[in-house]
Amino acid sequence: MAELPQVQLFTDGGCSGNPGPGGWAFILRHPSTDKELERSGGERETTNNRMELTAVVQGLATLKQPAQVELFTDSVYVGKGISEWLPKWKANGWRRKEGTKFVPVKNEDLWRELDVQLARHRVRYTRVAGHSGHPENDRVDVLAVAAYQKYL
């Protein structure tokens, strides 16, 4: 089997208020060529978690072929979702346990989209501390904030 191309995906999402106007952004980098792509977008009324998820989904969906992706994000929600929660949610019909009963997974539409992308790519999650001077994380933060400014 051919070796999958390696890419780095840096993502961020945020809101002014939660819920409130929100923005998402990603940087996709191919280390072998140093080519980079930046994209961002926003919504008038959303949540931080939806924007964090949207950034990852949009970044992965941009890749035209399967890849080995190192995902850099400051979102513990996205990281734990990928590494811990997603398999359980799927096994439980996209429901999660709350106390003694099952309830629908929040942001199920985006988690389902992410699940499709995770099936296409080999993704390794790397947590980055937010606002810690990590250049790419700082850049996607700036892009995400700029994306929701027009809604303020």
N, C-alpha and C. Protein backbone atom coordinates (compact mmCIF):
# COMPACT_ATOMS: atom_id res chain seq x y z
N MET A 1 0.85 -1.19 0.00
CA MET A 1 0.00 0.00 0.00
C MET A 1 0.88 1.24 0.00
N ALA A 2 0.53 2.22 -0.80
CA ALA A 2 1.32 3.45 -0.90
C ALA A 2 1.25 4.22 0.41
N GLU A 3 2.35 4.86 0.70
CA GLU A 3 2.42 5.71 1.90
C GLU A 3 1.49 6.91 1.71
N LEU A 4 0.69 7.22 2.72
CA LEU A 4 -0.20 8.37 2.63
C LEU A 4 0.62 9.66 2.76
N PRO A 5 0.24 10.71 2.02
CA PRO A 5 0.93 11.99 2.18
C PRO A 5 0.70 12.52 3.60
N GLN A 6 1.72 13.16 4.14
CA GLN A 6 1.63 13.72 5.48
C GLN A 6 1.27 15.20 5.40
N VAL A 7 0.30 15.59 6.22
CA VAL A 7 -0.08 16.99 6.31
C VAL A 7 -0.26 17.37 7.77
N GLN A 8 -0.15 18.67 8.00
CA GLN A 8 -0.42 19.22 9.33
C GLN A 8 -1.65 20.10 9.22
N LEU A 9 -2.54 19.97 10.19
CA LEU A 9 -3.76 20.77 10.22
C LEU A 9 -3.83 21.49 11.56
N PHE A 10 -3.83 22.82 11.50
CA PHE A 10 -3.93 23.67 12.69
C PHE A 10 -5.31 24.29 12.67
N THR A 11 -6.08 24.15 13.76
CA THR A 11 -7.46 24.63 13.75
C THR A 11 -7.78 25.44 15.00
N ASP A 12 -8.78 26.30 14.85
CA ASP A 12 -9.31 27.02 16.00
C ASP A 12 -10.71 27.50 15.68
N GLY A 13 -11.47 27.69 16.72
CA GLY A 13 -12.81 28.25 16.60
C GLY A 13 -13.13 29.00 17.87
N GLY A 14 -14.02 29.97 17.76
CA GLY A 14 -14.39 30.72 18.95
C GLY A 14 -15.60 31.59 18.68
N CYS A 15 -16.10 32.19 19.76
CA CYS A 15 -17.28 33.03 19.71
C CYS A 15 -17.08 34.28 20.54
N SER A 16 -17.86 35.30 20.20
CA SER A 16 -17.99 36.48 21.05
C SER A 16 -19.29 36.26 21.81
N GLY A 17 -19.18 35.77 23.03
CA GLY A 17 -20.34 35.26 23.75
C GLY A 17 -20.47 33.79 23.37
N ASN A 18 -21.13 33.01 24.20
CA ASN A 18 -21.28 31.59 23.90
C ASN A 18 -22.65 31.13 24.38
N PRO A 19 -23.68 31.13 23.53
CA PRO A 19 -23.63 31.36 22.08
C PRO A 19 -23.48 32.83 21.71
N GLY A 20 -23.13 33.03 20.44
CA GLY A 20 -22.96 34.35 19.89
C GLY A 20 -22.36 34.25 18.51
N PRO A 21 -21.94 35.38 17.94
CA PRO A 21 -21.26 35.33 16.66
C PRO A 21 -19.98 34.52 16.79
N GLY A 22 -19.74 33.62 15.80
CA GLY A 22 -18.58 32.74 15.92
C GLY A 22 -17.79 32.66 14.64
N GLY A 23 -16.53 32.23 14.80
CA GLY A 23 -15.65 32.06 13.66
C GLY A 23 -14.82 30.81 13.81
N TRP A 24 -14.38 30.28 12.67
CA TRP A 24 -13.51 29.11 12.63
C TRP A 24 -12.41 29.38 11.63
N ALA A 25 -11.30 28.67 11.79
CA ALA A 25 -10.18 28.84 10.85
C ALA A 25 -9.29 27.61 10.89
N PHE A 26 -8.59 27.40 9.76
CA PHE A 26 -7.58 26.35 9.73
C PHE A 26 -6.42 26.75 8.83
N ILE A 27 -5.28 26.16 9.14
CA ILE A 27 -4.11 26.20 8.27
C ILE A 27 -3.80 24.75 7.94
N LEU A 28 -3.69 24.47 6.67
CA LEU A 28 -3.32 23.14 6.18
C LEU A 28 -1.93 23.27 5.59
N ARG A 29 -1.00 22.47 6.09
CA ARG A 29 0.38 22.55 5.62
C ARG A 29 0.86 21.18 5.16
N HIS A 30 1.48 21.17 3.98
CA HIS A 30 2.14 19.97 3.47
C HIS A 30 3.63 20.15 3.76
N PRO A 31 4.16 19.48 4.80
CA PRO A 31 5.56 19.68 5.18
C PRO A 31 6.56 19.36 4.06
N SER A 32 6.22 18.42 3.19
CA SER A 32 7.17 18.03 2.14
C SER A 32 7.36 19.14 1.10
N THR A 33 6.34 19.98 0.92
CA THR A 33 6.44 21.06 -0.08
C THR A 33 6.40 22.45 0.56
N ASP A 34 6.09 22.51 1.85
CA ASP A 34 5.89 23.78 2.57
C ASP A 34 4.72 24.60 2.03
N LYS A 35 3.86 23.97 1.22
CA LYS A 35 2.66 24.67 0.75
C LYS A 35 1.69 24.78 1.91
N GLU A 36 1.03 25.93 1.98
CA GLU A 36 0.04 26.17 3.03
C GLU A 36 -1.24 26.74 2.43
N LEU A 37 -2.34 26.40 3.09
CA LEU A 37 -3.64 26.95 2.74
C LEU A 37 -4.29 27.41 4.03
N GLU A 38 -4.80 28.64 4.02
CA GLU A 38 -5.55 29.17 5.16
C GLU A 38 -6.98 29.38 4.73
N ARG A 39 -7.92 29.01 5.60
CA ARG A 39 -9.33 29.28 5.34
C ARG A 39 -10.01 29.62 6.65
N SER A 40 -11.07 30.40 6.55
CA SER A 40 -11.85 30.75 7.73
C SER A 40 -13.28 31.08 7.31
N GLY A 41 -14.15 31.10 8.29
CA GLY A 41 -15.54 31.44 8.05
C GLY A 41 -16.23 31.75 9.37
N GLY A 42 -17.45 32.23 9.29
CA GLY A 42 -18.15 32.60 10.51
C GLY A 42 -19.64 32.38 10.40
N GLU A 43 -20.30 32.49 11.55
CA GLU A 43 -21.75 32.36 11.63
C GLU A 43 -22.27 33.41 12.61
N ARG A 44 -23.48 33.87 12.35
CA ARG A 44 -24.08 34.93 13.17
C ARG A 44 -24.37 34.45 14.60
N GLU A 45 -24.84 33.22 14.74
CA GLU A 45 -25.24 32.70 16.07
C GLU A 45 -24.81 31.25 16.19
N THR A 46 -23.86 30.98 17.06
CA THR A 46 -23.32 29.63 17.19
C THR A 46 -22.65 29.49 18.55
N THR A 47 -21.90 28.40 18.72
CA THR A 47 -21.19 28.17 19.99
C THR A 47 -19.70 27.92 19.72
N ASN A 48 -18.91 28.05 20.78
CA ASN A 48 -17.47 27.77 20.67
C ASN A 48 -17.23 26.35 20.15
N ASN A 49 -17.92 25.37 20.74
CA ASN A 49 -17.70 23.98 20.34
C ASN A 49 -18.05 23.73 18.88
N ARG A 50 -19.14 24.35 18.40
CA ARG A 50 -19.50 24.18 16.99
C ARG A 50 -18.40 24.75 16.08
N MET A 51 -17.84 25.87 16.47
CA MET A 51 -16.79 26.49 15.65
C MET A 51 -15.50 25.68 15.69
N GLU A 52 -15.15 25.13 16.84
CA GLU A 52 -13.96 24.27 16.94
C GLU A 52 -14.12 23.05 16.03
N LEU A 53 -15.29 22.43 16.07
CA LEU A 53 -15.57 21.25 15.23
C LEU A 53 -15.59 21.61 13.75
N THR A 54 -16.21 22.74 13.42
CA THR A 54 -16.31 23.16 12.02
C THR A 54 -14.92 23.36 11.42
N ALA A 55 -14.01 23.93 12.19
CA ALA A 55 -12.64 24.16 11.69
C ALA A 55 -11.98 22.84 11.29
N VAL A 56 -12.15 21.81 12.12
CA VAL A 56 -11.53 20.51 11.84
C VAL A 56 -12.21 19.85 10.63
N VAL A 57 -13.54 19.85 10.61
CA VAL A 57 -14.28 19.25 9.50
C VAL A 57 -13.91 19.92 8.18
N GLN A 58 -13.89 21.26 8.18
CA GLN A 58 -13.57 21.99 6.95
C GLN A 58 -12.14 21.70 6.49
N GLY A 59 -11.22 21.65 7.44
CA GLY A 59 -9.83 21.37 7.08
C GLY A 59 -9.65 19.99 6.48
N LEU A 60 -10.24 18.98 7.11
CA LEU A 60 -10.12 17.61 6.60
C LEU A 60 -10.84 17.45 5.26
N ALA A 61 -12.00 18.09 5.12
CA ALA A 61 -12.78 17.98 3.89
C ALA A 61 -12.07 18.64 2.71
N THR A 62 -11.19 19.57 2.98
CA THR A 62 -10.45 20.27 1.92
C THR A 62 -9.45 19.35 1.24
N LEU A 63 -8.96 18.35 1.97
CA LEU A 63 -7.97 17.42 1.39
C LEU A 63 -8.62 16.60 0.28
N LYS A 64 -7.98 16.60 -0.88
CA LYS A 64 -8.56 15.93 -2.05
C LYS A 64 -8.35 14.42 -2.03
N GLN A 65 -7.36 13.95 -1.27
CA GLN A 65 -7.10 12.51 -1.19
C GLN A 65 -6.81 12.13 0.26
N PRO A 66 -6.94 10.85 0.60
CA PRO A 66 -6.63 10.44 1.97
C PRO A 66 -5.20 10.83 2.35
N ALA A 67 -5.05 11.20 3.62
CA ALA A 67 -3.75 11.65 4.10
C ALA A 67 -3.53 11.22 5.54
N GLN A 68 -2.27 11.27 5.93
CA GLN A 68 -1.90 11.10 7.32
C GLN A 68 -1.84 12.52 7.88
N VAL A 69 -2.75 12.82 8.81
CA VAL A 69 -2.93 14.19 9.27
C VAL A 69 -2.54 14.30 10.74
N GLU A 70 -1.68 15.26 11.03
CA GLU A 70 -1.45 15.61 12.43
C GLU A 70 -2.28 16.85 12.70
N LEU A 71 -3.28 16.68 13.56
CA LEU A 71 -4.22 17.75 13.91
C LEU A 71 -3.73 18.46 15.16
N PHE A 72 -3.49 19.76 15.04
CA PHE A 72 -3.09 20.58 16.18
C PHE A 72 -4.26 21.47 16.55
N THR A 73 -4.78 21.29 17.78
CA THR A 73 -5.90 22.11 18.23
C THR A 73 -5.78 22.36 19.73
N ASP A 74 -6.33 23.51 20.16
CA ASP A 74 -6.36 23.78 21.60
C ASP A 74 -7.69 23.34 22.20
N SER A 75 -8.54 22.68 21.40
CA SER A 75 -9.86 22.25 21.86
C SER A 75 -9.81 20.86 22.49
N VAL A 76 -9.95 20.81 23.80
CA VAL A 76 -10.02 19.53 24.51
C VAL A 76 -11.30 18.80 24.07
N TYR A 77 -12.37 19.55 23.82
CA TYR A 77 -13.64 18.99 23.35
C TYR A 77 -13.43 18.18 22.07
N VAL A 78 -12.75 18.75 21.10
CA VAL A 78 -12.48 18.04 19.85
C VAL A 78 -11.55 16.86 20.10
N GLY A 79 -10.50 17.08 20.86
CA GLY A 79 -9.52 16.01 21.11
C GLY A 79 -10.12 14.81 21.82
N LYS A 80 -10.86 15.07 22.90
CA LYS A 80 -11.50 13.96 23.63
C LYS A 80 -12.59 13.31 22.79
N GLY A 81 -13.29 14.13 22.01
CA GLY A 81 -14.33 13.58 21.13
C GLY A 81 -13.75 12.58 20.16
N ILE A 82 -12.63 12.94 19.54
CA ILE A 82 -11.99 12.05 18.57
C ILE A 82 -11.42 10.82 19.26
N SER A 83 -10.71 11.02 20.35
CA SER A 83 -9.94 9.93 20.94
C SER A 83 -10.73 9.06 21.93
N GLU A 84 -11.81 9.60 22.52
CA GLU A 84 -12.52 8.84 23.55
C GLU A 84 -14.01 8.67 23.28
N TRP A 85 -14.70 9.78 22.99
CA TRP A 85 -16.16 9.75 23.00
C TRP A 85 -16.80 9.19 21.75
N LEU A 86 -16.24 9.50 20.58
CA LEU A 86 -16.88 9.16 19.31
C LEU A 86 -17.24 7.68 19.17
N PRO A 87 -16.34 6.75 19.46
CA PRO A 87 -16.72 5.33 19.33
C PRO A 87 -17.92 4.95 20.21
N LYS A 88 -17.97 5.50 21.42
CA LYS A 88 -19.09 5.20 22.33
C LYS A 88 -20.39 5.78 21.79
N TRP A 89 -20.32 7.03 21.30
CA TRP A 89 -21.53 7.66 20.77
C TRP A 89 -22.10 6.87 19.60
N LYS A 90 -21.23 6.45 18.71
CA LYS A 90 -21.69 5.68 17.55
C LYS A 90 -22.32 4.37 17.99
N ALA A 91 -21.68 3.68 18.92
CA ALA A 91 -22.20 2.40 19.42
C ALA A 91 -23.57 2.58 20.09
N ASN A 92 -23.80 3.77 20.65
CA ASN A 92 -25.07 4.05 21.34
C ASN A 92 -26.06 4.82 20.46
N GLY A 93 -25.89 4.75 19.14
CA GLY A 93 -26.82 5.41 18.24
C GLY A 93 -26.75 6.92 18.30
N TRP A 94 -25.55 7.47 18.44
CA TRP A 94 -25.30 8.91 18.53
C TRP A 94 -26.01 9.52 19.75
N ARG A 95 -25.96 8.74 20.83
CA ARG A 95 -26.47 9.24 22.10
C ARG A 95 -25.36 9.10 23.14
N ARG A 96 -25.44 9.95 24.16
CA ARG A 96 -24.46 9.89 25.24
C ARG A 96 -25.22 9.74 26.56
N LYS A 97 -24.51 9.18 27.52
CA LYS A 97 -25.14 8.94 28.82
C LYS A 97 -25.09 10.23 29.64
N GLU A 98 -26.23 10.57 30.18
CA GLU A 98 -26.33 11.72 31.08
C GLU A 98 -27.08 11.22 32.30
N GLY A 99 -26.34 11.01 33.39
CA GLY A 99 -26.95 10.38 34.56
C GLY A 99 -27.27 8.93 34.24
N THR A 100 -28.56 8.58 34.34
CA THR A 100 -28.95 7.19 34.08
C THR A 100 -29.60 7.00 32.72
N LYS A 101 -29.77 8.10 31.96
CA LYS A 101 -30.45 7.95 30.67
C LYS A 101 -29.55 8.42 29.52
N PHE A 102 -29.94 8.03 28.31
CA PHE A 102 -29.22 8.45 27.12
C PHE A 102 -29.89 9.69 26.53
N VAL A 103 -29.07 10.64 26.09
CA VAL A 103 -29.57 11.86 25.45
C VAL A 103 -28.82 12.04 24.13
N PRO A 104 -29.41 12.80 23.20
CA PRO A 104 -28.72 13.01 21.92
C PRO A 104 -27.37 13.71 22.13
N VAL A 105 -26.42 13.37 21.30
CA VAL A 105 -25.09 14.02 21.32
C VAL A 105 -25.27 15.44 20.83
N LYS A 106 -24.69 16.40 21.54
CA LYS A 106 -24.71 17.79 21.08
C LYS A 106 -23.83 17.91 19.84
N ASN A 107 -24.25 18.73 18.91
CA ASN A 107 -23.52 18.95 17.66
C ASN A 107 -23.39 17.68 16.83
N GLU A 108 -24.41 16.83 16.90
CA GLU A 108 -24.36 15.53 16.22
C GLU A 108 -24.07 15.67 14.73
N ASP A 109 -24.64 16.69 14.08
CA ASP A 109 -24.41 16.86 12.64
C ASP A 109 -22.92 17.01 12.33
N LEU A 110 -22.23 17.81 13.13
CA LEU A 110 -20.79 18.02 12.90
C LEU A 110 -19.97 16.80 13.30
N TRP A 111 -20.36 16.13 14.38
CA TRP A 111 -19.64 14.91 14.76
C TRP A 111 -19.79 13.83 13.69
N ARG A 112 -20.96 13.75 13.07
CA ARG A 112 -21.16 12.78 11.99
C ARG A 112 -20.27 13.13 10.78
N GLU A 113 -20.20 14.42 10.45
CA GLU A 113 -19.33 14.85 9.36
C GLU A 113 -17.87 14.54 9.68
N LEU A 114 -17.48 14.80 10.93
CA LEU A 114 -16.11 14.53 11.34
C LEU A 114 -15.82 13.03 11.26
N ASP A 115 -16.79 12.22 11.65
CA ASP A 115 -16.63 10.76 11.59
C ASP A 115 -16.35 10.30 10.15
N VAL A 116 -17.05 10.89 9.18
CA VAL A 116 -16.82 10.56 7.76
C VAL A 116 -15.38 10.92 7.38
N GLN A 117 -14.92 12.09 7.81
CA GLN A 117 -13.56 12.53 7.49
C GLN A 117 -12.51 11.65 8.19
N LEU A 118 -12.80 11.25 9.41
CA LEU A 118 -11.85 10.39 10.14
C LEU A 118 -11.72 9.02 9.47
N ALA A 119 -12.78 8.60 8.78
CA ALA A 119 -12.71 7.33 8.05
C ALA A 119 -11.85 7.46 6.79
N ARG A 120 -11.76 8.66 6.25
CA ARG A 120 -10.96 8.92 5.03
C ARG A 120 -9.48 9.07 5.33
N HIS A 121 -9.18 9.64 6.47
CA HIS A 121 -7.79 10.01 6.81
C HIS A 121 -7.32 9.28 8.06
N ARG A 122 -6.01 9.22 8.22
CA ARG A 122 -5.43 8.76 9.49
C ARG A 122 -5.06 10.01 10.26
N VAL A 123 -5.80 10.28 11.33
CA VAL A 123 -5.64 11.53 12.07
C VAL A 123 -5.03 11.27 13.43
N ARG A 124 -3.98 12.03 13.74
CA ARG A 124 -3.38 12.00 15.07
C ARG A 124 -3.59 13.37 15.70
N TYR A 125 -4.20 13.37 16.88
CA TYR A 125 -4.53 14.60 17.61
C TYR A 125 -3.37 15.02 18.49
N THR A 126 -2.96 16.26 18.36
CA THR A 126 -1.94 16.85 19.22
C THR A 126 -2.53 18.10 19.87
N ARG A 127 -2.57 18.11 21.20
CA ARG A 127 -3.13 19.26 21.90
C ARG A 127 -2.10 20.38 21.99
N VAL A 128 -2.56 21.58 21.70
CA VAL A 128 -1.74 22.78 21.81
C VAL A 128 -2.40 23.66 22.86
N ALA A 129 -1.61 24.23 23.75
CA ALA A 129 -2.17 25.18 24.72
C ALA A 129 -2.55 26.46 23.98
N GLY A 130 -3.79 26.91 24.20
CA GLY A 130 -4.24 28.13 23.53
C GLY A 130 -3.52 29.36 24.07
N HIS A 131 -3.32 30.33 23.21
CA HIS A 131 -2.72 31.62 23.59
C HIS A 131 -1.39 31.44 24.32
N SER A 132 -0.58 30.51 23.81
CA SER A 132 0.68 30.18 24.48
C SER A 132 1.90 30.54 23.63
N GLY A 133 1.68 31.29 22.55
CA GLY A 133 2.80 31.66 21.71
C GLY A 133 3.10 30.65 20.61
N HIS A 134 2.23 29.65 20.43
CA HIS A 134 2.38 28.70 19.34
C HIS A 134 1.99 29.44 18.05
N PRO A 135 2.92 29.66 17.12
CA PRO A 135 2.66 30.56 15.98
C PRO A 135 1.43 30.20 15.15
N GLU A 136 1.26 28.94 14.80
CA GLU A 136 0.11 28.56 13.96
C GLU A 136 -1.20 28.64 14.74
N ASN A 137 -1.16 28.26 16.02
CA ASN A 137 -2.37 28.36 16.84
C ASN A 137 -2.77 29.82 17.02
N ASP A 138 -1.78 30.67 17.22
CA ASP A 138 -2.08 32.10 17.34
C ASP A 138 -2.66 32.63 16.03
N ARG A 139 -2.14 32.17 14.90
CA ARG A 139 -2.61 32.64 13.59
C ARG A 139 -4.06 32.21 13.34
N VAL A 140 -4.39 30.95 13.61
CA VAL A 140 -5.77 30.51 13.38
C VAL A 140 -6.73 31.20 14.35
N ASP A 141 -6.26 31.54 15.54
CA ASP A 141 -7.08 32.31 16.48
C ASP A 141 -7.40 33.68 15.89
N VAL A 142 -6.40 34.35 15.35
CA VAL A 142 -6.61 35.67 14.73
C VAL A 142 -7.60 35.56 13.56
N LEU A 143 -7.44 34.53 12.73
CA LEU A 143 -8.33 34.33 11.59
C LEU A 143 -9.77 34.06 12.03
N ALA A 144 -9.93 33.23 13.07
CA ALA A 144 -11.27 32.89 13.57
C ALA A 144 -11.97 34.13 14.15
N VAL A 145 -11.23 34.93 14.91
CA VAL A 145 -11.80 36.15 15.49
C VAL A 145 -12.19 37.11 14.37
N ALA A 146 -11.31 37.27 13.38
CA ALA A 146 -11.62 38.16 12.25
C ALA A 146 -12.87 37.70 11.51
N ALA A 147 -13.08 36.38 11.45
CA ALA A 147 -14.24 35.83 10.71
C ALA A 147 -15.57 36.17 11.37
N TYR A 148 -15.59 36.38 12.69
CA TYR A 148 -16.88 36.72 13.32
C TYR A 148 -17.06 38.22 13.55
N GLN A 149 -16.02 38.99 13.32
CA GLN A 149 -16.10 40.43 13.55
C GLN A 149 -17.25 41.08 12.77
N LYS A 150 -17.50 40.60 11.55
CA LYS A 150 -18.54 41.23 10.72
C LYS A 150 -19.95 41.06 11.31
N TYR A 151 -20.10 40.13 12.27
CA TYR A 151 -21.40 39.90 12.89
C TYR A 151 -21.60 40.69 14.18
N LEU A 152 -20.59 41.40 14.63
CA LEU A 152 -20.70 42.16 15.89
C LEU A 152 -21.39 43.49 15.69
